[in-house]
């Protein structure tokens, strides 16, 4: 299944080679979860991020099942000082 992935900030470091403007299309196995996407991108377990899938923030994204055509945004958290 194909998904559209966009990242912000430091999360762009985990995108595959060839990604343009912090965006890419990825092919995942049917039934893949967000955790499968994290593994594919090799995002470390201690990395902090915020996730939006189809324009909805997901509080606990790892077990979330992805579907064909999903639009996923992985955002670096904002910090204020």
C-alpha atoms as a PDB file:
ATOM      1  CA  UNK A   1       0.000   0.000   0.000  1.00  0.00           C
ATOM      2  CA  UNK A   2       1.155   3.529  -0.696  1.00  0.00           C
ATOM      3  CA  UNK A   3       1.223   6.377   1.825  1.00  0.00           C
ATOM      4  CA  UNK A   4       2.322   9.998   1.580  1.00  0.00           C
ATOM      5  CA  UNK A   5       4.844  11.042   4.241  1.00  0.00           C
ATOM      6  CA  UNK A   6       5.858  14.538   5.251  1.00  0.00           C
ATOM      7  CA  UNK A   7       8.176  15.554   8.075  1.00  0.00           C
ATOM      8  CA  UNK A   8       9.162  18.738   9.864  1.00  0.00           C
ATOM      9  CA  UNK A   9      12.347  19.844  11.563  1.00  0.00           C
ATOM     10  CA  UNK A  10      14.854  17.223  12.608  1.00  0.00           C
ATOM     11  CA  UNK A  11      12.447  14.426  11.662  1.00  0.00           C
ATOM     12  CA  UNK A  12      13.439  15.069   8.037  1.00  0.00           C
ATOM     13  CA  UNK A  13      16.778  13.425   8.847  1.00  0.00           C
ATOM     14  CA  UNK A  14      14.982  10.057   8.820  1.00  0.00           C
ATOM     15  CA  UNK A  15      13.493  10.345   5.331  1.00  0.00           C
ATOM     16  CA  UNK A  16      14.815   8.016   2.637  1.00  0.00           C
ATOM     17  CA  UNK A  17      17.314   9.280   0.090  1.00  0.00           C
ATOM     18  CA  UNK A  18      15.631  11.023  -2.802  1.00  0.00           C
ATOM     19  CA  UNK A  19      12.953  12.675  -0.683  1.00  0.00           C
ATOM     20  CA  UNK A  20      12.123  16.173  -1.877  1.00  0.00           C
ATOM     21  CA  UNK A  21      11.137  19.093   0.348  1.00  0.00           C
ATOM     22  CA  UNK A  22      10.671  16.825   3.401  1.00  0.00           C
ATOM     23  CA  UNK A  23       8.129  14.677   1.506  1.00  0.00           C
ATOM     24  CA  UNK A  24       8.046  11.247  -0.059  1.00  0.00           C
ATOM     25  CA  UNK A  25       5.728   8.453  -1.089  1.00  0.00           C
ATOM     26  CA  UNK A  26       6.366   5.100   0.551  1.00  0.00           C
ATOM     27  CA  UNK A  27       5.218   1.601  -0.245  1.00  0.00           C
ATOM     28  CA  UNK A  28       4.330  -0.405   2.874  1.00  0.00           C
ATOM     29  CA  UNK A  29       3.036  -3.930   3.322  1.00  0.00           C
ATOM     30  CA  UNK A  30      -0.742  -4.215   3.581  1.00  0.00           C
ATOM     31  CA  UNK A  31      -1.797  -3.970   7.225  1.00  0.00           C
ATOM     32  CA  UNK A  32       1.304  -2.031   8.255  1.00  0.00           C
ATOM     33  CA  UNK A  33       1.115   0.039  11.412  1.00  0.00           C
ATOM     34  CA  UNK A  34       2.767   3.334  12.276  1.00  0.00           C
ATOM     35  CA  UNK A  35       5.292   1.266  14.280  1.00  0.00           C
ATOM     36  CA  UNK A  36       6.249  -0.478  11.015  1.00  0.00           C
ATOM     37  CA  UNK A  37       6.828   2.940   9.435  1.00  0.00           C
ATOM     38  CA  UNK A  38       9.014   4.006  12.386  1.00  0.00           C
ATOM     39  CA  UNK A  39      11.062   0.813  11.973  1.00  0.00           C
ATOM     40  CA  UNK A  40      11.412   1.361   8.220  1.00  0.00           C
ATOM     41  CA  UNK A  41      12.665   4.911   8.788  1.00  0.00           C
ATOM     42  CA  UNK A  42      14.974   3.757  11.634  1.00  0.00           C
ATOM     43  CA  UNK A  43      13.634   6.387  14.032  1.00  0.00           C
ATOM     44  CA  UNK A  44      15.190   5.693  17.462  1.00  0.00           C
ATOM     45  CA  UNK A  45      12.812   4.633  20.247  1.00  0.00           C
ATOM     46  CA  UNK A  46      13.839   7.633  22.375  1.00  0.00           C
ATOM     47  CA  UNK A  47      13.096  10.195  19.635  1.00  0.00           C
ATOM     48  CA  UNK A  48      10.217  12.564  20.413  1.00  0.00           C
ATOM     49  CA  UNK A  49       7.695  13.468  17.718  1.00  0.00           C
ATOM     50  CA  UNK A  50       4.067  14.385  17.102  1.00  0.00           C
ATOM     51  CA  UNK A  51       2.035  12.476  14.500  1.00  0.00           C
ATOM     52  CA  UNK A  52      -0.851  13.496  12.290  1.00  0.00           C
ATOM     53  CA  UNK A  53      -2.586  10.970  10.060  1.00  0.00           C
ATOM     54  CA  UNK A  54      -5.079  12.330   7.546  1.00  0.00           C
ATOM     55  CA  UNK A  55      -5.040  15.696   9.355  1.00  0.00           C
ATOM     56  CA  UNK A  56      -5.864  14.226  12.781  1.00  0.00           C
ATOM     57  CA  UNK A  57      -3.384  14.227  15.657  1.00  0.00           C
ATOM     58  CA  UNK A  58      -2.802  10.705  16.956  1.00  0.00           C
ATOM     59  CA  UNK A  59      -2.122  10.459  20.704  1.00  0.00           C
ATOM     60  CA  UNK A  60      -0.695   6.909  20.608  1.00  0.00           C
ATOM     61  CA  UNK A  61       0.526   6.462  17.038  1.00  0.00           C
ATOM     62  CA  UNK A  62       2.648   3.283  17.246  1.00  0.00           C
ATOM     63  CA  UNK A  63      -0.230   0.751  17.137  1.00  0.00           C
ATOM     64  CA  UNK A  64      -2.233   2.826  14.638  1.00  0.00           C
ATOM     65  CA  UNK A  65      -2.989   0.823  11.476  1.00  0.00           C
ATOM     66  CA  UNK A  66      -2.186   2.625   8.245  1.00  0.00           C
ATOM     67  CA  UNK A  67      -4.291   2.367   5.099  1.00  0.00           C
ATOM     68  CA  UNK A  68      -3.781   2.889   1.370  1.00  0.00           C
ATOM     69  CA  UNK A  69      -3.516   6.597   0.588  1.00  0.00           C
ATOM     70  CA  UNK A  70      -2.976   7.790   4.158  1.00  0.00           C
ATOM     71  CA  UNK A  71      -1.251  11.119   4.582  1.00  0.00           C
ATOM     72  CA  UNK A  72       1.206  10.925   7.490  1.00  0.00           C
ATOM     73  CA  UNK A  73       3.052  13.871   9.022  1.00  0.00           C
ATOM     74  CA  UNK A  74       5.791  13.290  11.574  1.00  0.00           C
ATOM     75  CA  UNK A  75       6.583  16.554  13.317  1.00  0.00           C
ATOM     76  CA  UNK A  76       9.420  17.521  15.568  1.00  0.00           C
ATOM     77  CA  UNK A  77       8.020  18.759  18.898  1.00  0.00           C
ATOM     78  CA  UNK A  78       8.034  22.475  19.518  1.00  0.00           C
ATOM     79  CA  UNK A  79       9.878  23.893  22.502  1.00  0.00           C
ATOM     80  CA  UNK A  80       9.628  27.340  23.988  1.00  0.00           C
ATOM     81  CA  UNK A  81      12.003  28.896  26.399  1.00  0.00           C
END
